[in-house]
Amino acid sequence: MHVTIPDSLKEFIEEQVSSGRYPDPDAFVSDLVRTEAEMFKQIGAGEALPVDQHFGRRLEALLDEAEQSGDHLDVTREDCDAVEREALDLLRDSKSS
């Protein structure tokens, strides 16, 4: 398989390799794909997203998917605040275990 990486991302990938976490760009991309595959398996099973360095990117992808689905609900600021409080509680609980 051949993957083309935009120039805007090549520097980021090179930084990841230079950090010593990955032996080469292929290893970084493979790890990224493996992480995403695991995330999709978890979502399919109805499990929570893992809170790690990729959380923001996963959440953004899910929000984009939801927006494109056409199934929308009106959400108030209070709804968002409640979700945020629940997420923070879950995060605190997971760190204390």
N, C-alpha and C. Protein backbone atom coordinates (compact mmCIF):
# COMPACT_ATOMS: atom_id res chain seq x y z
N MET A 1 0.85 -1.17 0.00
CA MET A 1 0.00 0.00 0.00
C MET A 1 0.90 1.23 0.00
N HIS A 2 0.48 2.23 -0.73
CA HIS A 2 1.23 3.48 -0.79
C HIS A 2 0.32 4.61 -0.29
N VAL A 3 0.81 5.41 0.63
CA VAL A 3 0.03 6.51 1.19
C VAL A 3 0.78 7.81 0.93
N THR A 4 0.07 8.81 0.44
CA THR A 4 0.68 10.12 0.22
C THR A 4 0.33 11.02 1.39
N ILE A 5 1.35 11.59 2.00
CA ILE A 5 1.18 12.48 3.15
C ILE A 5 1.34 13.92 2.66
N PRO A 6 0.41 14.80 2.99
CA PRO A 6 0.56 16.19 2.59
C PRO A 6 1.81 16.81 3.23
N ASP A 7 2.44 17.72 2.52
CA ASP A 7 3.64 18.38 3.03
C ASP A 7 3.40 19.01 4.39
N SER A 8 2.18 19.48 4.63
CA SER A 8 1.87 20.14 5.90
C SER A 8 1.98 19.19 7.08
N LEU A 9 1.94 17.86 6.85
CA LEU A 9 2.03 16.88 7.93
C LEU A 9 3.38 16.18 8.01
N LYS A 10 4.19 16.31 6.98
CA LYS A 10 5.47 15.61 6.96
C LYS A 10 6.37 16.03 8.11
N GLU A 11 6.40 17.32 8.42
CA GLU A 11 7.25 17.80 9.52
C GLU A 11 6.81 17.18 10.85
N PHE A 12 5.50 17.10 11.05
CA PHE A 12 4.98 16.51 12.29
C PHE A 12 5.42 15.06 12.41
N ILE A 13 5.32 14.31 11.32
CA ILE A 13 5.71 12.90 11.33
C ILE A 13 7.21 12.78 11.61
N GLU A 14 8.00 13.63 10.97
CA GLU A 14 9.44 13.60 11.20
C GLU A 14 9.77 13.92 12.65
N GLU A 15 9.01 14.81 13.28
CA GLU A 15 9.22 15.12 14.70
C GLU A 15 8.93 13.90 15.57
N GLN A 16 7.89 13.15 15.21
CA GLN A 16 7.55 11.95 15.98
C GLN A 16 8.67 10.92 15.89
N VAL A 17 9.24 10.76 14.71
CA VAL A 17 10.34 9.82 14.52
C VAL A 17 11.58 10.33 15.26
N SER A 18 11.86 11.62 15.15
CA SER A 18 13.04 12.21 15.82
C SER A 18 12.95 12.10 17.34
N SER A 19 11.73 12.05 17.87
CA SER A 19 11.55 11.96 19.32
C SER A 19 12.03 10.61 19.85
N GLY A 20 12.19 9.64 18.94
CA GLY A 20 12.63 8.32 19.36
C GLY A 20 11.49 7.36 19.64
N ARG A 21 10.26 7.85 19.58
CA ARG A 21 9.12 6.98 19.84
C ARG A 21 8.89 5.97 18.71
N TYR A 22 9.32 6.33 17.50
CA TYR A 22 9.11 5.48 16.33
C TYR A 22 10.42 5.35 15.56
N PRO A 23 10.70 4.16 15.04
CA PRO A 23 11.96 3.98 14.31
C PRO A 23 11.96 4.64 12.93
N ASP A 24 10.76 4.79 12.35
CA ASP A 24 10.67 5.39 11.02
C ASP A 24 9.23 5.86 10.79
N PRO A 25 9.00 6.63 9.72
CA PRO A 25 7.65 7.14 9.45
C PRO A 25 6.61 6.04 9.28
N ASP A 26 6.99 4.90 8.69
CA ASP A 26 6.04 3.80 8.52
C ASP A 26 5.52 3.30 9.86
N ALA A 27 6.40 3.22 10.85
CA ALA A 27 5.98 2.75 12.17
C ALA A 27 5.00 3.73 12.80
N PHE A 28 5.24 5.02 12.62
CA PHE A 28 4.32 6.03 13.16
C PHE A 28 2.94 5.90 12.51
N VAL A 29 2.90 5.82 11.19
CA VAL A 29 1.62 5.72 10.48
C VAL A 29 0.92 4.42 10.84
N SER A 30 1.66 3.33 10.95
CA SER A 30 1.06 2.05 11.34
C SER A 30 0.43 2.12 12.73
N ASP A 31 1.14 2.76 13.65
CA ASP A 31 0.62 2.91 15.01
C ASP A 31 -0.65 3.76 15.00
N LEU A 32 -0.65 4.80 14.21
CA LEU A 32 -1.81 5.67 14.09
C LEU A 32 -3.03 4.91 13.56
N VAL A 33 -2.82 4.13 12.52
CA VAL A 33 -3.91 3.35 11.93
C VAL A 33 -4.39 2.28 12.91
N ARG A 34 -3.46 1.62 13.59
CA ARG A 34 -3.83 0.60 14.58
C ARG A 34 -4.67 1.22 15.70
N THR A 35 -4.26 2.39 16.17
CA THR A 35 -5.00 3.09 17.23
C THR A 35 -6.41 3.44 16.77
N GLU A 36 -6.51 3.93 15.54
CA GLU A 36 -7.83 4.27 15.00
C GLU A 36 -8.70 3.03 14.85
N ALA A 37 -8.12 1.93 14.39
CA ALA A 37 -8.89 0.69 14.24
C ALA A 37 -9.43 0.22 15.58
N GLU A 38 -8.60 0.31 16.61
CA GLU A 38 -9.04 -0.07 17.96
C GLU A 38 -10.18 0.84 18.42
N MET A 39 -10.05 2.13 18.13
CA MET A 39 -11.08 3.09 18.53
C MET A 39 -12.41 2.76 17.86
N PHE A 40 -12.39 2.44 16.58
CA PHE A 40 -13.62 2.12 15.88
C PHE A 40 -14.24 0.84 16.40
N LYS A 41 -13.43 -0.12 16.78
CA LYS A 41 -13.96 -1.34 17.39
C LYS A 41 -14.66 -1.02 18.70
N GLN A 42 -14.06 -0.14 19.50
CA GLN A 42 -14.65 0.23 20.78
C GLN A 42 -15.95 0.99 20.58
N ILE A 43 -15.97 1.89 19.63
CA ILE A 43 -17.19 2.66 19.38
C ILE A 43 -18.29 1.74 18.92
N GLY A 44 -17.95 0.78 18.06
CA GLY A 44 -18.95 -0.17 17.58
C GLY A 44 -19.53 -0.99 18.72
N ALA A 45 -18.74 -1.20 19.75
CA ALA A 45 -19.20 -1.98 20.90
C ALA A 45 -19.91 -1.11 21.92
N GLY A 46 -20.02 0.19 21.63
CA GLY A 46 -20.70 1.09 22.54
C GLY A 46 -19.87 1.50 23.74
N GLU A 47 -18.56 1.36 23.66
CA GLU A 47 -17.70 1.71 24.78
C GLU A 47 -17.23 3.15 24.65
N ALA A 48 -16.76 3.69 25.74
CA ALA A 48 -16.28 5.07 25.76
C ALA A 48 -14.96 5.19 25.01
N LEU A 49 -14.73 6.40 24.49
CA LEU A 49 -13.45 6.69 23.84
C LEU A 49 -12.34 6.68 24.88
N PRO A 50 -11.20 6.10 24.56
CA PRO A 50 -10.09 6.18 25.50
C PRO A 50 -9.58 7.62 25.59
N VAL A 51 -9.29 8.06 26.79
CA VAL A 51 -8.77 9.41 26.97
C VAL A 51 -7.25 9.34 26.89
N ASP A 52 -6.74 9.65 25.72
CA ASP A 52 -5.30 9.64 25.49
C ASP A 52 -4.96 10.78 24.55
N GLN A 53 -3.76 10.75 23.99
CA GLN A 53 -3.31 11.86 23.16
C GLN A 53 -4.11 12.00 21.87
N HIS A 54 -4.90 10.99 21.50
CA HIS A 54 -5.69 11.04 20.27
C HIS A 54 -7.16 11.37 20.53
N PHE A 55 -7.53 11.61 21.78
CA PHE A 55 -8.93 11.81 22.13
C PHE A 55 -9.57 12.93 21.33
N GLY A 56 -8.92 14.07 21.25
CA GLY A 56 -9.49 15.23 20.54
C GLY A 56 -9.77 14.92 19.08
N ARG A 57 -8.84 14.24 18.44
CA ARG A 57 -9.00 13.89 17.03
C ARG A 57 -10.15 12.91 16.83
N ARG A 58 -10.25 11.93 17.75
CA ARG A 58 -11.35 10.96 17.66
C ARG A 58 -12.69 11.64 17.87
N LEU A 59 -12.75 12.51 18.87
CA LEU A 59 -14.00 13.21 19.16
C LEU A 59 -14.42 14.07 17.97
N GLU A 60 -13.47 14.76 17.37
CA GLU A 60 -13.77 15.58 16.21
C GLU A 60 -14.32 14.74 15.06
N ALA A 61 -13.73 13.57 14.82
CA ALA A 61 -14.20 12.68 13.76
C ALA A 61 -15.62 12.21 14.04
N LEU A 62 -15.90 11.88 15.29
CA LEU A 62 -17.26 11.44 15.65
C LEU A 62 -18.27 12.57 15.49
N LEU A 63 -17.88 13.78 15.87
CA LEU A 63 -18.78 14.92 15.72
C LEU A 63 -19.05 15.22 14.24
N ASP A 64 -18.02 15.11 13.41
CA ASP A 64 -18.20 15.29 11.97
C ASP A 64 -19.15 14.25 11.41
N GLU A 65 -18.96 13.00 11.84
CA GLU A 65 -19.83 11.91 11.38
C GLU A 65 -21.27 12.15 11.81
N ALA A 66 -21.45 12.60 13.03
CA ALA A 66 -22.81 12.87 13.53
C ALA A 66 -23.45 14.00 12.75
N GLU A 67 -22.68 15.03 12.45
CA GLU A 67 -23.21 16.16 11.70
C GLU A 67 -23.65 15.74 10.30
N GLN A 68 -22.87 14.87 9.69
CA GLN A 68 -23.19 14.42 8.34
C GLN A 68 -24.36 13.44 8.30
N SER A 69 -24.71 12.85 9.45
CA SER A 69 -25.78 11.85 9.47
C SER A 69 -27.15 12.47 9.25
N GLY A 70 -27.29 13.76 9.55
CA GLY A 70 -28.58 14.42 9.38
C GLY A 70 -29.50 14.28 10.58
N ASP A 71 -29.15 13.43 11.56
CA ASP A 71 -29.95 13.26 12.76
C ASP A 71 -29.47 14.26 13.80
N HIS A 72 -30.18 15.37 13.93
CA HIS A 72 -29.74 16.42 14.84
C HIS A 72 -30.74 16.63 15.98
N LEU A 73 -30.22 16.98 17.12
CA LEU A 73 -31.03 17.35 18.28
C LEU A 73 -30.63 18.76 18.70
N ASP A 74 -31.58 19.52 19.18
CA ASP A 74 -31.23 20.82 19.73
C ASP A 74 -30.62 20.60 21.11
N VAL A 75 -29.50 21.22 21.34
CA VAL A 75 -28.79 21.06 22.61
C VAL A 75 -28.61 22.44 23.22
N THR A 76 -28.92 22.53 24.50
CA THR A 76 -28.78 23.80 25.20
C THR A 76 -27.40 23.89 25.84
N ARG A 77 -27.06 25.08 26.29
CA ARG A 77 -25.78 25.27 27.00
C ARG A 77 -25.77 24.42 28.26
N GLU A 78 -26.91 24.28 28.92
CA GLU A 78 -27.00 23.47 30.12
C GLU A 78 -26.71 22.00 29.80
N ASP A 79 -27.19 21.52 28.64
CA ASP A 79 -26.90 20.15 28.22
C ASP A 79 -25.39 19.94 28.06
N CYS A 80 -24.75 20.90 27.41
CA CYS A 80 -23.29 20.82 27.20
C CYS A 80 -22.55 20.84 28.53
N ASP A 81 -22.99 21.70 29.44
CA ASP A 81 -22.35 21.78 30.76
C ASP A 81 -22.50 20.46 31.51
N ALA A 82 -23.67 19.83 31.41
CA ALA A 82 -23.90 18.56 32.09
C ALA A 82 -23.00 17.47 31.52
N VAL A 83 -22.86 17.44 30.20
CA VAL A 83 -22.00 16.45 29.56
C VAL A 83 -20.55 16.67 29.99
N GLU A 84 -20.13 17.93 30.03
CA GLU A 84 -18.76 18.24 30.44
C GLU A 84 -18.51 17.81 31.88
N ARG A 85 -19.47 18.08 32.78
CA ARG A 85 -19.31 17.66 34.18
C ARG A 85 -19.20 16.15 34.28
N GLU A 86 -20.04 15.44 33.52
CA GLU A 86 -20.00 13.98 33.56
C GLU A 86 -18.66 13.46 33.03
N ALA A 87 -18.16 14.07 31.96
CA ALA A 87 -16.88 13.64 31.40
C ALA A 87 -15.74 13.89 32.39
N LEU A 88 -15.77 15.04 33.05
CA LEU A 88 -14.73 15.33 34.03
C LEU A 88 -14.80 14.37 35.21
N ASP A 89 -16.01 14.02 35.64
CA ASP A 89 -16.18 13.05 36.72
C ASP A 89 -15.60 11.69 36.32
N LEU A 90 -15.91 11.26 35.08
CA LEU A 90 -15.39 9.98 34.60
C LEU A 90 -13.87 10.00 34.51
N LEU A 91 -13.32 11.12 34.07
CA LEU A 91 -11.88 11.24 33.97
C LEU A 91 -11.24 11.19 35.35
N ARG A 92 -11.82 11.90 36.32
CA ARG A 92 -11.29 11.85 37.69
C ARG A 92 -11.37 10.44 38.24
N ASP A 93 -12.49 9.76 38.01
CA ASP A 93 -12.66 8.38 38.49
C ASP A 93 -11.64 7.45 37.87
N SER A 94 -11.38 7.61 36.57
CA SER A 94 -10.43 6.71 35.90
C SER A 94 -9.00 6.95 36.38
N LYS A 95 -8.68 8.17 36.75
CA LYS A 95 -7.33 8.47 37.24
C LYS A 95 -7.12 8.00 38.67
N SER A 96 -8.21 7.92 39.44
CA SER A 96 -8.08 7.50 40.83
C SER A 96 -8.08 5.98 40.99
N SER A 97 -8.44 5.25 39.92
CA SER A 97 -8.47 3.79 40.02
C SER A 97 -7.13 3.17 39.76
